Protein backbone atom coordinates (compact mmCIF):
# COMPACT_ATOMS: atom_id res chain seq x y z
CA MET A 1 13.57 11.82 19.13
CA GLN A 2 14.81 8.76 16.59
CA ILE A 3 12.60 5.64 16.65
CA SER A 4 14.18 1.68 17.42
CA ARG A 5 14.08 -0.88 14.74
CA ALA A 6 12.21 -2.71 16.93
CA GLU A 7 9.14 -0.05 17.72
CA ALA A 8 9.23 0.96 13.83
CA GLU A 9 8.59 -2.92 13.21
CA ARG A 10 5.70 -2.80 16.02
CA VAL A 11 4.21 0.36 14.57
CA MET A 12 4.19 -1.00 11.25
CA SER A 13 3.08 -4.77 12.01
CA GLU A 14 -0.23 -2.90 13.62
CA ARG A 15 -1.25 -0.51 11.39
CA GLY A 16 -1.83 0.11 7.52
CA TRP A 17 -0.86 -2.18 4.88
CA LEU A 18 1.01 -4.70 6.83
CA ALA A 19 -1.37 -5.38 9.36
CA LEU A 20 -3.35 -6.57 6.35
CA VAL A 21 -1.17 -9.06 4.69
CA PRO A 22 -0.13 -12.78 5.61
CA GLU A 23 2.40 -13.03 8.86
CA GLY A 24 5.11 -14.58 6.85
CA TYR A 25 4.93 -11.77 4.04
CA ARG A 26 4.87 -9.10 6.58
CA ASP A 27 8.16 -10.81 8.41
CA GLU A 28 10.05 -10.77 5.30
CA VAL A 29 9.17 -7.32 4.29
CA LEU A 30 10.46 -5.73 7.73
CA ARG A 31 13.71 -7.98 7.63
CA ARG A 32 14.45 -6.63 4.09
CA SER A 33 13.51 -3.26 4.48
CA THR A 34 16.14 -0.33 6.07
CA LEU A 35 15.10 2.08 8.60
CA LEU A 36 15.63 5.72 7.42
CA HIS A 37 15.48 9.02 8.87
CA PHE A 38 14.75 12.25 6.56
CA ALA A 39 15.33 15.76 7.93
CA PRO A 40 12.16 18.14 7.51
CA GLY A 41 11.74 19.45 4.18
CA GLN A 42 14.01 16.70 2.50
CA ALA A 43 12.93 14.46 -0.40
CA VAL A 44 12.19 11.32 -0.60
CA PHE A 45 11.79 10.76 -3.90
CA HIS A 46 10.70 13.16 -6.86
CA LEU A 47 8.77 13.09 -10.17
CA GLY A 48 10.37 11.18 -12.53
CA ASP A 49 13.28 9.50 -10.28
CA PRO A 50 14.23 6.33 -11.61
CA MET A 51 12.19 3.15 -10.43
CA GLY A 52 12.80 2.21 -7.01
CA GLY A 53 10.91 0.08 -3.97
CA ILE A 54 8.17 1.17 -1.38
CA TYR A 55 8.40 3.33 1.71
CA GLY A 56 6.40 3.02 5.03
CA LEU A 57 5.57 6.09 7.05
CA VAL A 58 6.89 5.07 10.75
CA ALA A 59 6.68 8.43 12.50
CA GLY A 60 6.31 12.13 11.52
CA SER A 61 4.44 13.08 8.46
CA VAL A 62 5.42 13.17 4.43
CA SER A 63 3.63 15.20 1.63
CA VAL A 64 2.23 13.53 -0.98
CA GLY A 65 2.35 15.18 -4.19
CA ILE A 66 0.80 13.82 -7.15
CA ALA A 67 0.06 15.13 -10.79
CA PRO A 68 -0.87 14.12 -14.70
CA ALA A 69 2.03 13.38 -16.79
CA GLY A 70 4.00 16.86 -17.85
CA SER A 71 2.26 18.51 -14.87
CA THR A 72 3.87 20.42 -11.55
CA PRO A 73 3.03 17.77 -8.56
CA ARG A 74 0.36 19.63 -6.02
CA LEU A 75 -0.10 18.40 -2.68
CA VAL A 76 -2.70 16.26 -2.44
CA LEU A 77 -2.54 14.35 1.16
CA LEU A 78 -0.31 13.67 4.53
CA GLY A 79 0.58 10.10 5.43
CA VAL A 80 0.06 9.03 8.44
CA PRO A 81 1.80 6.50 10.40
CA GLY A 82 1.32 2.57 8.67
CA HIS A 83 0.91 4.23 5.35
CA TRP A 84 3.06 2.88 2.62
CA THR A 85 3.57 4.09 -0.96
CA GLY A 86 5.99 3.72 -4.09
CA GLU A 87 4.34 0.79 -5.41
CA ALA A 88 3.88 2.09 -9.18
CA CYS A 89 7.55 1.60 -9.92
CA PHE A 90 7.04 -2.10 -8.81
CA LEU A 91 3.67 -2.61 -10.84
CA THR A 92 4.87 -0.62 -13.63
CA ARG A 93 8.60 -0.66 -14.37
CA LYS A 94 8.15 2.90 -14.74
CA PRO A 95 10.09 6.19 -12.98
CA ARG A 96 8.48 7.76 -10.09
CA ARG A 97 4.71 9.54 -10.75
CA GLY A 98 4.63 11.47 -7.58
CA GLU A 99 6.65 13.37 -5.29
CA LEU A 100 6.95 12.48 -1.76
CA ARG A 101 8.86 14.68 0.97
CA ALA A 102 9.51 14.66 5.22
CA VAL A 103 7.19 17.55 6.32
CA VAL A 104 8.80 17.37 10.18
CA GLU A 105 11.72 14.79 11.57
CA THR A 106 10.37 11.45 10.06
CA THR A 107 11.48 8.05 10.29
CA MET A 108 10.51 5.38 7.53
CA LEU A 109 10.92 1.88 6.58
CA HIS A 110 11.90 1.47 2.73
CA LEU A 111 11.75 -1.74 0.68
CA PRO A 112 14.08 -1.65 -2.41
CA LEU A 113 13.15 -2.41 -5.64
CA ASP A 114 15.36 -5.74 -6.04
CA ALA A 115 13.99 -6.89 -2.75
CA MET A 116 10.56 -6.79 -3.83
CA ASP A 117 11.89 -8.39 -7.20
CA GLN A 118 13.63 -11.20 -5.60
CA MET A 119 10.46 -11.85 -3.51
CA ALA A 120 8.28 -12.09 -6.41
CA ALA A 121 10.44 -14.19 -8.20
CA ARG A 122 9.96 -16.84 -5.52
CA ASP A 123 6.14 -16.08 -5.03
CA PRO A 124 3.87 -14.54 -7.43
CA GLY A 125 1.71 -13.95 -4.58
CA VAL A 126 3.86 -10.99 -3.49
CA VAL A 127 2.38 -9.08 -6.79
CA HIS A 128 -1.11 -9.23 -5.06
CA HIS A 129 0.48 -8.04 -1.52
CA VAL A 130 1.92 -5.28 -3.41
CA ALA A 131 -1.35 -4.50 -5.34
CA LEU A 132 -3.02 -4.12 -2.20
CA ILE A 133 -0.96 -0.76 -1.30
CA LEU A 134 -2.64 0.26 -4.66
CA MET A 135 -6.19 -0.50 -4.26
CA MET A 136 -5.65 1.61 -0.80
CA SER A 137 -4.49 4.42 -2.34
CA VAL A 138 -7.60 4.42 -4.84
CA GLU A 139 -9.97 4.21 -2.13
CA PHE A 140 -8.35 7.66 -0.53
CA LEU A 141 -8.38 9.28 -3.37
CA PHE A 142 -12.07 8.36 -3.92
CA ARG A 143 -12.58 10.36 -0.75
CA VAL A 144 -10.65 13.30 -1.95
CA ILE A 145 -12.60 13.46 -5.13
CA HIS A 146 -15.90 13.45 -3.49
CA ASP A 147 -14.74 15.71 -0.62
CA LEU A 148 -13.77 18.04 -3.69
CA GLN A 149 -17.37 18.53 -4.73
CA LEU A 150 -18.66 19.42 -1.86
CA PRO A 151 -20.12 23.09 -2.69
CA GLU A 152 -18.80 24.86 0.22
CA ALA A 153 -15.49 25.79 1.22
CA ASP A 154 -15.82 25.57 4.44
CA ARG A 155 -16.91 21.82 4.13
CA ARG A 156 -14.02 21.35 1.84
CA ILE A 157 -11.58 22.88 4.63
CA ALA A 158 -13.21 20.68 7.12
CA SER A 159 -12.72 17.62 5.03
CA VAL A 160 -9.07 18.21 4.33
CA LEU A 161 -8.44 18.79 7.99
CA GLN A 162 -10.12 15.72 9.29
CA ARG A 163 -8.54 13.34 6.85
CA THR A 164 -4.97 14.47 8.11
CA THR A 165 -6.11 12.89 11.44
CA SER A 166 -5.94 9.97 13.53
CA ILE A 167 -8.09 9.20 16.42
CA GLY A 168 -7.56 11.50 19.42
CA ASP A 169 -6.16 15.46 19.65
CA VAL A 170 -3.30 15.78 16.92
CA SER A 171 -1.10 18.56 15.24
CA VAL A 172 -1.27 18.93 11.75
CA PRO A 173 1.75 20.47 10.18
CA LEU A 174 -0.03 22.52 7.35
CA THR A 175 0.01 26.07 6.83
CA GLN A 176 -3.21 27.64 5.69
CA SER A 177 -2.05 28.40 2.11
CA GLU A 178 -1.03 24.31 2.20
CA VAL A 179 -4.77 23.50 3.36
CA GLY A 180 -6.16 25.91 0.52
CA THR A 181 -4.07 24.09 -2.41
CA MET A 182 -5.86 20.84 -1.07
CA ALA A 183 -9.21 21.67 -0.54
CA ASN A 184 -9.28 24.10 -3.40
CA ALA A 185 -10.27 27.20 -1.38
CA SER A 186 -8.86 30.48 -1.47
CA ARG A 187 -6.29 31.61 1.35
CA LYS A 188 -9.07 34.35 2.90
CA GLN A 189 -11.64 31.27 2.43
CA VAL A 190 -9.46 28.66 4.86
CA ASN A 191 -8.54 31.92 7.66
CA ALA A 192 -12.48 32.33 7.83
CA ALA A 193 -13.10 28.37 8.41
CA LEU A 194 -10.47 28.03 11.01
CA LYS A 195 -12.03 30.73 12.70
CA ARG A 196 -15.53 29.16 12.51
CA PHE A 197 -13.66 26.43 13.58
CA SER A 198 -11.95 27.47 16.37
CA GLU A 199 -14.73 29.05 17.64
CA ALA A 200 -16.56 25.82 17.75
CA GLY A 201 -13.95 24.41 19.84
CA TRP A 202 -12.95 21.58 16.83
CA VAL A 203 -9.40 23.16 16.12
CA THR A 204 -6.81 25.50 17.47
CA ASN A 205 -4.77 27.63 14.76
CA THR A 206 -0.77 28.30 14.97
CA TYR A 207 1.42 30.06 12.34
CA ARG A 208 2.67 26.40 11.07
CA SER A 209 0.19 23.62 12.54
CA ILE A 210 -3.61 23.48 12.72
CA ASN A 211 -4.43 21.24 16.02
CA ILE A 212 -7.41 19.26 15.33
CA THR A 213 -9.25 18.67 18.64
CA ASP A 214 -12.54 16.84 17.51
CA PRO A 215 -12.27 15.12 14.00
CA GLY A 216 -15.56 14.17 14.10
CA ALA A 217 -17.19 17.43 14.38
CA LEU A 218 -15.21 18.09 11.35
CA ARG A 219 -16.32 15.20 9.53
CA ARG A 220 -20.20 15.83 10.70
CA PHE A 221 -19.89 19.53 9.46
CA ALA A 222 -18.26 18.31 6.02
CA GLU A 223 -21.07 15.87 5.17
CA ARG A 224 -23.87 17.70 6.40
CA ASP A 225 -26.23 18.76 3.73
CA GLY A 226 -27.35 22.41 3.12
CA THR A 227 -25.94 25.20 5.11
CA ASP A 228 -25.97 26.52 8.77
């Protein structure tokens, strides 16, 4: 089902980055943004693409892949509604440094780079608002690095699953191989962890998705010292 423009603006005003900026700026971002729809697997942008604007996730899910210069992007996270990305082009004036791809039917808002430049020319404070997206991403990557240093694979896997959820029952559109990539774990380790989590009542597992029924339990398990 496609989301209406009014519903998209409501969602983005209440969640993530736009909920944190001044109302006047938020209204202008929404007014200048275009509502876009992406099919499963469709790329929003690729590593090395020309400079462009920012994208905000309204509904669905997107995979975010990043890599150092000269390397192939690896899956790092799944976006959740309210998440914005693509700010590096505006801040650095360089091509895309990562890859963004729809995982399921996805709706996004797109604020073009020229619109961002026009807004910044009129109000230099726009740069600070856009930089907030970057800092929110940095905070998330701190969490990723911290979780990847957990010594046990099943705790890293629990962290990956919990990071992809919002409050409540949610289906995570990841395969076991993709979970393994994000958790630096083998498929065998992922399979064993999912079996353990399912027996505990924290998840249910299907071929193409993992349903998280108790994200709090996953986080507590990941953060607990020692082994069970």
